[in-house]
Amino acid sequence: MRKINEIVVHCTATQPDFMPGASTAGRVGEVKRWHVQINKWSDTGYHYLVDRDGTVAEGRPLERIGAHVARHNTGTIGIALFGGHGSAETDAFADHFTPEQDAALRTLIADLEARFGDLKISGHNEYAAKACPGFQVARWLGHGPAAKPAPEDQDEATAATIYRWRLAEIRDLAMRALAGE
């Protein structure tokens, strides 16, 4: 297995209703088609893709270097969220993505960190003049201003997302404790 030190978050820049009625596998197949037929890559550039309903699908095998950030693919895992069309890097996560994607992405990151240790988590827009993934990853993770709303400002979906995020944090701490860290 190659050494992993970072996760880079992306978006597919697709509309919320991209390929209505298609399965996650069908949408992933379309992204792969773009990457193989149009970009002339050997496979989809991302290692994981997160669908609007929170389904996580595998793309390129983790053993292989991705094709998702020019000059920053070695040692990284690329994760793309379906959606993000028309986004700006200053937008909030919830402007373009679902609570299910939020929970799934946080869980996937926690699972990958349990497997590979502490990882830098960044957005594509930190390496290129692009909006992708359509939000500031550090702020979304809770490292920036106004990352977590006050309890009285939370709607039910936000509260549920924060609850799932905290469960992922607790699971991560438990995994580290079991590993003797």
C-alpha atoms as a PDB file:
ATOM      1  CA  MET A   1       0.000   0.000   0.000  1.00  0.00           C
ATOM      2  CA  ARG A   2       1.249   3.479  -0.794  1.00  0.00           C
ATOM      3  CA  LYS A   3       1.827   6.038   1.960  1.00  0.00           C
ATOM      4  CA  ILE A   4      -1.182   8.298   2.503  1.00  0.00           C
ATOM      5  CA  ASN A   5      -0.875  11.684   4.222  1.00  0.00           C
ATOM      6  CA  GLU A   6      -3.772  13.780   2.909  1.00  0.00           C
ATOM      7  CA  ILE A   7      -7.379  13.715   1.760  1.00  0.00           C
ATOM      8  CA  VAL A   8      -8.421  16.223  -0.905  1.00  0.00           C
ATOM      9  CA  VAL A   9     -12.154  16.952  -1.165  1.00  0.00           C
ATOM     10  CA  HIS A  10     -13.713  17.719  -4.555  1.00  0.00           C
ATOM     11  CA  CYS A  11     -17.108  18.113  -6.177  1.00  0.00           C
ATOM     12  CA  THR A  12     -18.308  16.754  -9.493  1.00  0.00           C
ATOM     13  CA  ALA A  13     -19.704  20.199 -10.458  1.00  0.00           C
ATOM     14  CA  THR A  14     -23.007  18.557 -11.381  1.00  0.00           C
ATOM     15  CA  GLN A  15     -26.555  19.822 -10.840  1.00  0.00           C
ATOM     16  CA  PRO A  16     -28.446  18.453  -7.817  1.00  0.00           C
ATOM     17  CA  ASP A  17     -30.688  16.460 -10.184  1.00  0.00           C
ATOM     18  CA  PHE A  18     -27.789  14.993 -12.219  1.00  0.00           C
ATOM     19  CA  MET A  19     -28.898  11.765 -13.921  1.00  0.00           C
ATOM     20  CA  PRO A  20     -32.295  11.488 -12.170  1.00  0.00           C
ATOM     21  CA  GLY A  21     -33.345   7.919 -11.528  1.00  0.00           C
ATOM     22  CA  ALA A  22     -29.827   6.586 -12.071  1.00  0.00           C
ATOM     23  CA  SER A  23     -28.108   4.534  -9.408  1.00  0.00           C
ATOM     24  CA  THR A  24     -24.967   5.696  -7.661  1.00  0.00           C
ATOM     25  CA  ALA A  25     -23.053   3.163  -9.760  1.00  0.00           C
ATOM     26  CA  GLY A  26     -24.516   4.740 -12.903  1.00  0.00           C
ATOM     27  CA  ARG A  27     -23.443   8.232 -11.848  1.00  0.00           C
ATOM     28  CA  VAL A  28     -19.970   6.976 -10.902  1.00  0.00           C
ATOM     29  CA  GLY A  29     -19.782   5.285 -14.296  1.00  0.00           C
ATOM     30  CA  GLU A  30     -20.553   8.583 -16.012  1.00  0.00           C
ATOM     31  CA  VAL A  31     -17.767  10.354 -14.099  1.00  0.00           C
ATOM     32  CA  LYS A  32     -15.417   7.521 -15.064  1.00  0.00           C
ATOM     33  CA  ARG A  33     -16.484   7.920 -18.691  1.00  0.00           C
ATOM     34  CA  TRP A  34     -15.611  11.635 -18.547  1.00  0.00           C
ATOM     35  CA  HIS A  35     -12.240  10.930 -17.010  1.00  0.00           C
ATOM     36  CA  VAL A  36     -11.332   8.062 -19.357  1.00  0.00           C
ATOM     37  CA  GLN A  37     -12.836   9.215 -22.659  1.00  0.00           C
ATOM     38  CA  ILE A  38     -12.454  12.985 -22.353  1.00  0.00           C
ATOM     39  CA  ASN A  39      -9.439  13.420 -20.066  1.00  0.00           C
ATOM     40  CA  LYS A  40      -7.728  10.258 -21.384  1.00  0.00           C
ATOM     41  CA  TRP A  41      -6.963   9.002 -17.863  1.00  0.00           C
ATOM     42  CA  SER A  42      -6.764   5.292 -17.074  1.00  0.00           C
ATOM     43  CA  ASP A  43      -9.662   5.412 -14.579  1.00  0.00           C
ATOM     44  CA  THR A  44     -11.781   7.856 -12.603  1.00  0.00           C
ATOM     45  CA  GLY A  45      -9.480  10.348 -10.905  1.00  0.00           C
ATOM     46  CA  TYR A  46     -11.175  10.054  -7.491  1.00  0.00           C
ATOM     47  CA  HIS A  47     -10.802   7.230  -4.997  1.00  0.00           C
ATOM     48  CA  TYR A  48     -14.296   7.766  -3.557  1.00  0.00           C
ATOM     49  CA  LEU A  49     -17.472   9.529  -4.658  1.00  0.00           C
ATOM     50  CA  VAL A  50     -20.304  10.508  -2.287  1.00  0.00           C
ATOM     51  CA  ASP A  51     -23.795  10.577  -3.777  1.00  0.00           C
ATOM     52  CA  ARG A  52     -26.593  12.944  -2.731  1.00  0.00           C
ATOM     53  CA  ASP A  53     -28.216  10.277  -0.521  1.00  0.00           C
ATOM     54  CA  GLY A  54     -24.938   9.661   1.348  1.00  0.00           C
ATOM     55  CA  THR A  55     -23.990   6.508  -0.540  1.00  0.00           C
ATOM     56  CA  VAL A  56     -20.200   6.199  -0.743  1.00  0.00           C
ATOM     57  CA  ALA A  57     -18.858   4.531  -3.875  1.00  0.00           C
ATOM     58  CA  GLU A  58     -15.325   3.474  -4.657  1.00  0.00           C
ATOM     59  CA  GLY A  59     -13.642   4.933  -7.701  1.00  0.00           C
ATOM     60  CA  ARG A  60      -9.962   4.374  -8.381  1.00  0.00           C
ATOM     61  CA  PRO A  61      -8.408   1.773  -6.062  1.00  0.00           C
ATOM     62  CA  LEU A  62      -6.571   3.295  -3.085  1.00  0.00           C
ATOM     63  CA  GLU A  63      -3.413   1.415  -4.055  1.00  0.00           C
ATOM     64  CA  ARG A  64      -3.173   3.577  -7.170  1.00  0.00           C
ATOM     65  CA  ILE A  65      -2.247   7.256  -7.214  1.00  0.00           C
ATOM     66  CA  GLY A  66      -5.280   9.345  -8.119  1.00  0.00           C
ATOM     67  CA  ALA A  67      -5.714  11.954 -10.838  1.00  0.00           C
ATOM     68  CA  HIS A  68      -7.562  14.667  -8.966  1.00  0.00           C
ATOM     69  CA  VAL A  69      -5.108  17.505  -8.159  1.00  0.00           C
ATOM     70  CA  ALA A  70      -2.316  18.460 -10.545  1.00  0.00           C
ATOM     71  CA  ARG A  71       1.063  17.974  -8.827  1.00  0.00           C
ATOM     72  CA  HIS A  72      -0.587  16.807  -5.572  1.00  0.00           C
ATOM     73  CA  ASN A  73      -1.758  13.251  -6.221  1.00  0.00           C
ATOM     74  CA  THR A  74       1.087  11.349  -4.566  1.00  0.00           C
ATOM     75  CA  GLY A  75       0.181  10.513  -0.982  1.00  0.00           C
ATOM     76  CA  THR A  76      -3.387  11.763  -1.328  1.00  0.00           C
ATOM     77  CA  ILE A  77      -6.869  10.304  -1.475  1.00  0.00           C
ATOM     78  CA  GLY A  78      -9.383  12.114  -3.691  1.00  0.00           C
ATOM     79  CA  ILE A  79     -13.013  12.219  -2.539  1.00  0.00           C
ATOM     80  CA  ALA A  80     -15.664  13.858  -4.732  1.00  0.00           C
ATOM     81  CA  LEU A  81     -19.153  14.916  -3.692  1.00  0.00           C
ATOM     82  CA  PHE A  82     -21.880  14.771  -6.347  1.00  0.00           C
ATOM     83  CA  GLY A  83     -23.194  18.311  -6.845  1.00  0.00           C
ATOM     84  CA  GLY A  84     -21.536  21.685  -6.551  1.00  0.00           C
ATOM     85  CA  HIS A  85     -22.498  23.099  -9.956  1.00  0.00           C
ATOM     86  CA  GLY A  86     -22.293  26.892  -9.850  1.00  0.00           C
ATOM     87  CA  SER A  87     -20.662  26.962  -6.417  1.00  0.00           C
ATOM     88  CA  ALA A  88     -18.061  29.387  -5.125  1.00  0.00           C
ATOM     89  CA  GLU A  89     -15.272  28.539  -2.730  1.00  0.00           C
ATOM     90  CA  THR A  90     -16.817  30.911  -0.193  1.00  0.00           C
ATOM     91  CA  ASP A  91     -20.174  29.101  -0.132  1.00  0.00           C
ATOM     92  CA  ALA A  92     -21.291  26.994   2.812  1.00  0.00           C
ATOM     93  CA  PHE A  93     -21.342  23.211   2.497  1.00  0.00           C
ATOM     94  CA  ALA A  94     -25.142  23.185   2.880  1.00  0.00           C
ATOM     95  CA  ASP A  95     -25.562  25.542  -0.094  1.00  0.00           C
ATOM     96  CA  HIS A  96     -24.765  22.732  -2.549  1.00  0.00           C
ATOM     97  CA  PHE A  97     -24.684  19.433  -0.677  1.00  0.00           C
ATOM     98  CA  THR A  98     -27.044  17.381   1.462  1.00  0.00           C
ATOM     99  CA  PRO A  99     -26.971  16.522   5.174  1.00  0.00           C
ATOM    100  CA  GLU A 100     -26.552  12.883   4.095  1.00  0.00           C
ATOM    101  CA  GLN A 101     -23.410  13.813   2.163  1.00  0.00           C
ATOM    102  CA  ASP A 102     -22.118  15.743   5.165  1.00  0.00           C
ATOM    103  CA  ALA A 103     -22.533  12.742   7.462  1.00  0.00           C
ATOM    104  CA  ALA A 104     -21.116  10.293   4.901  1.00  0.00           C
ATOM    105  CA  LEU A 105     -18.075  12.464   4.173  1.00  0.00           C
ATOM    106  CA  ARG A 106     -17.303  12.930   7.871  1.00  0.00           C
ATOM    107  CA  THR A 107     -17.663   9.186   8.478  1.00  0.00           C
ATOM    108  CA  LEU A 108     -15.481   8.333   5.473  1.00  0.00           C
ATOM    109  CA  ILE A 109     -12.783  10.746   6.646  1.00  0.00           C
ATOM    110  CA  ALA A 110     -12.921   9.246  10.170  1.00  0.00           C
ATOM    111  CA  ASP A 111     -12.674   5.729   8.727  1.00  0.00           C
ATOM    112  CA  LEU A 112      -9.697   6.676   6.544  1.00  0.00           C
ATOM    113  CA  GLU A 113      -7.947   8.337   9.480  1.00  0.00           C
ATOM    114  CA  ALA A 114      -8.539   5.214  11.589  1.00  0.00           C
ATOM    115  CA  ARG A 115      -6.803   3.264   8.834  1.00  0.00           C
ATOM    116  CA  PHE A 116      -3.985   5.668   7.892  1.00  0.00           C
ATOM    117  CA  GLY A 117      -3.541   7.886  10.984  1.00  0.00           C
ATOM    118  CA  ASP A 118      -4.032  11.641  11.188  1.00  0.00           C
ATOM    119  CA  LEU A 119      -4.363  13.069   7.699  1.00  0.00           C
ATOM    120  CA  LYS A 120      -4.346  16.600   6.372  1.00  0.00           C
ATOM    121  CA  ILE A 121      -7.832  17.361   5.019  1.00  0.00           C
ATOM    122  CA  SER A 122      -7.972  19.963   2.261  1.00  0.00           C
ATOM    123  CA  GLY A 123     -10.096  21.140  -0.630  1.00  0.00           C
ATOM    124  CA  HIS A 124      -9.173  21.239  -4.305  1.00  0.00           C
ATOM    125  CA  ASN A 125      -9.505  25.043  -4.145  1.00  0.00           C
ATOM    126  CA  GLU A 126      -6.444  25.140  -1.875  1.00  0.00           C
ATOM    127  CA  TYR A 127      -4.295  23.911  -4.784  1.00  0.00           C
ATOM    128  CA  ALA A 128      -5.958  25.465  -7.825  1.00  0.00           C
ATOM    129  CA  ALA A 129      -7.851  28.618  -8.747  1.00  0.00           C
ATOM    130  CA  LYS A 130     -11.161  26.749  -8.674  1.00  0.00           C
ATOM    131  CA  ALA A 131     -14.331  26.832  -6.608  1.00  0.00           C
ATOM    132  CA  CYS A 132     -14.140  23.037  -6.152  1.00  0.00           C
ATOM    133  CA  PRO A 133     -15.338  21.616  -3.819  1.00  0.00           C
ATOM    134  CA  GLY A 134     -17.626  24.651  -3.437  1.00  0.00           C
ATOM    135  CA  PHE A 135     -16.846  25.453   0.215  1.00  0.00           C
ATOM    136  CA  GLN A 136     -13.877  25.952   2.545  1.00  0.00           C
ATOM    137  CA  VAL A 137     -12.970  22.517   3.901  1.00  0.00           C
ATOM    138  CA  ALA A 138     -11.236  23.829   7.046  1.00  0.00           C
ATOM    139  CA  ARG A 139     -14.304  25.866   7.974  1.00  0.00           C
ATOM    140  CA  TRP A 140     -16.585  22.906   7.320  1.00  0.00           C
ATOM    141  CA  LEU A 141     -14.399  20.710   9.524  1.00  0.00           C
ATOM    142  CA  GLY A 142     -14.749  23.186  12.356  1.00  0.00           C
ATOM    143  CA  HIS A 143     -11.417  24.960  12.120  1.00  0.00           C
ATOM    144  CA  GLY A 144     -12.771  28.309  11.018  1.00  0.00           C
ATOM    145  CA  PRO A 145     -15.201  31.033  12.025  1.00  0.00           C
ATOM    146  CA  ALA A 146     -18.856  30.138  12.424  1.00  0.00           C
ATOM    147  CA  ALA A 147     -18.211  26.488  11.667  1.00  0.00           C
ATOM    148  CA  LYS A 148     -20.681  25.212  14.267  1.00  0.00           C
ATOM    149  CA  PRO A 149     -23.895  27.165  14.780  1.00  0.00           C
ATOM    150  CA  ALA A 150     -25.096  27.846  18.290  1.00  0.00           C
ATOM    151  CA  PRO A 151     -27.689  25.271  19.429  1.00  0.00           C
ATOM    152  CA  GLU A 152     -30.512  27.822  19.255  1.00  0.00           C
ATOM    153  CA  ASP A 153     -29.594  28.521  15.591  1.00  0.00           C
ATOM    154  CA  GLN A 154     -29.628  24.886  14.515  1.00  0.00           C
ATOM    155  CA  ASP A 155     -32.428  23.408  12.515  1.00  0.00           C
ATOM    156  CA  GLU A 156     -33.212  19.712  12.870  1.00  0.00           C
ATOM    157  CA  ALA A 157     -31.035  18.654   9.891  1.00  0.00           C
ATOM    158  CA  THR A 158     -28.053  20.650  11.152  1.00  0.00           C
ATOM    159  CA  ALA A 159     -28.425  19.196  14.645  1.00  0.00           C
ATOM    160  CA  ALA A 160     -28.577  15.673  13.192  1.00  0.00           C
ATOM    161  CA  THR A 161     -25.462  16.319  11.094  1.00  0.00           C
ATOM    162  CA  ILE A 162     -23.526  17.613  14.098  1.00  0.00           C
ATOM    163  CA  TYR A 163     -24.701  14.606  16.122  1.00  0.00           C
ATOM    164  CA  ARG A 164     -23.438  12.193  13.418  1.00  0.00           C
ATOM    165  CA  TRP A 165     -20.171  14.149  13.204  1.00  0.00           C
ATOM    166  CA  ARG A 166     -19.678  13.867  16.966  1.00  0.00           C
ATOM    167  CA  LEU A 167     -20.403  10.126  16.788  1.00  0.00           C
ATOM    168  CA  ALA A 168     -17.686   9.842  14.121  1.00  0.00           C
ATOM    169  CA  GLU A 169     -15.284  11.773  16.394  1.00  0.00           C
ATOM    170  CA  ILE A 170     -16.090   9.468  19.324  1.00  0.00           C
ATOM    171  CA  ARG A 171     -15.614   6.379  17.140  1.00  0.00           C
ATOM    172  CA  ASP A 172     -12.261   7.771  15.963  1.00  0.00           C
ATOM    173  CA  LEU A 173     -11.118   8.389  19.547  1.00  0.00           C
ATOM    174  CA  ALA A 174     -12.217   4.880  20.547  1.00  0.00           C
ATOM    175  CA  MET A 175     -10.333   3.331  17.610  1.00  0.00           C
ATOM    176  CA  ARG A 176      -7.200   5.251  18.592  1.00  0.00           C
ATOM    177  CA  ALA A 177      -7.558   4.189  22.223  1.00  0.00           C
ATOM    178  CA  LEU A 178      -7.887   0.552  21.175  1.00  0.00           C
ATOM    179  CA  ALA A 179      -4.781   0.948  19.010  1.00  0.00           C
ATOM    180  CA  GLY A 180      -2.892   2.251  22.057  1.00  0.00           C
ATOM    181  CA  GLU A 181      -2.407   5.799  20.770  1.00  0.00           C
END
